Amino acid sequence: MTTGTTKRSVMIAGHRTSVSLETPFWEALREIAAAREQSVQVLIGEIDAARGAQNLSSAIRVFVLAEMRRAN
């Protein structure tokens, strides 16, 4: 499994921001978005809106972990 970090640019609430995540998190995020029939960008926007003061990359990792635990 490749675990390198990848930085991607996403549009959130009308502005561009960069998000750095390890490959498995990007893959899981795509799977979750597909299961919800939404884009990764929309899903990241929802995570961003709910994260409070938490770093966006960290909020995404915590979200993915919670979703994976919920699925089991």
Protein backbone atom coordinates (compact mmCIF):
# COMPACT_ATOMS: atom_id res chain seq x y z
CA MET A 1 0.00 0.00 0.00
CA THR A 2 1.32 3.42 -0.97
CA THR A 3 1.04 5.88 1.90
CA GLY A 4 2.68 9.01 0.52
CA THR A 5 1.10 12.38 1.20
CA THR A 6 -0.67 14.11 -1.66
CA LYS A 7 -1.69 17.76 -1.68
CA ARG A 8 -4.85 18.62 -3.62
CA SER A 9 -6.59 21.90 -4.22
CA VAL A 10 -10.31 22.05 -3.44
CA MET A 11 -12.94 24.77 -3.59
CA ILE A 12 -14.73 25.29 -0.26
CA ALA A 13 -17.34 28.00 0.29
CA GLY A 14 -16.13 29.87 -2.78
CA HIS A 15 -12.41 29.84 -2.02
CA ARG A 16 -9.58 27.49 -2.95
CA THR A 17 -7.59 25.72 -0.29
CA SER A 18 -5.03 22.94 -0.31
CA VAL A 19 -5.50 19.71 1.60
CA SER A 20 -2.66 17.27 2.29
CA LEU A 21 -3.63 13.68 3.04
CA GLU A 22 -2.04 10.28 2.82
CA THR A 23 -3.16 8.15 -0.14
CA PRO A 24 -5.34 5.76 1.93
CA PHE A 25 -7.32 8.74 3.29
CA TRP A 26 -7.92 10.13 -0.21
CA GLU A 27 -9.07 6.69 -1.33
CA ALA A 28 -11.42 6.28 1.64
CA LEU A 29 -12.78 9.78 1.15
CA ARG A 30 -13.60 8.96 -2.49
CA GLU A 31 -15.34 5.75 -1.41
CA ILE A 32 -17.41 7.54 1.23
CA ALA A 33 -18.38 10.31 -1.22
CA ALA A 34 -19.38 7.74 -3.85
CA ALA A 35 -21.50 5.83 -1.34
CA ARG A 36 -23.27 9.10 -0.51
CA GLU A 37 -23.62 9.94 -4.21
CA GLN A 38 -21.75 13.21 -3.82
CA SER A 39 -18.44 14.63 -4.93
CA VAL A 40 -15.34 14.59 -2.76
CA GLN A 41 -15.38 18.38 -2.89
CA VAL A 42 -18.93 18.55 -1.48
CA LEU A 43 -18.02 16.05 1.24
CA ILE A 44 -14.93 18.07 2.18
CA GLY A 45 -17.16 21.16 2.33
CA GLU A 46 -19.44 19.40 4.81
CA ILE A 47 -16.47 18.31 6.92
CA ASP A 48 -15.10 21.86 6.79
CA ALA A 49 -18.41 23.34 7.96
CA ALA A 50 -18.50 21.00 10.98
CA ARG A 51 -14.84 21.09 12.03
CA GLY A 52 -14.74 24.14 14.27
CA ALA A 53 -11.14 25.17 14.99
CA GLN A 54 -9.65 21.80 14.01
CA ASN A 55 -7.17 21.67 11.13
CA LEU A 56 -8.99 20.61 7.92
CA SER A 57 -6.65 17.71 7.11
CA SER A 58 -6.99 16.40 10.66
CA ALA A 59 -10.77 16.83 10.55
CA ILE A 60 -10.90 14.77 7.35
CA ARG A 61 -8.79 11.99 8.89
CA VAL A 62 -11.02 11.88 11.99
CA PHE A 63 -14.13 11.86 9.80
CA VAL A 64 -12.80 8.97 7.67
CA LEU A 65 -11.87 7.00 10.79
CA ALA A 66 -15.33 7.53 12.30
CA GLU A 67 -17.02 6.47 9.05
CA MET A 68 -14.89 3.33 8.79
CA ARG A 69 -15.66 2.42 12.42
CA ARG A 70 -19.37 3.03 11.84
CA ALA A 71 -19.29 0.72 8.80
CA ASN A 72 -17.94 -2.18 10.86
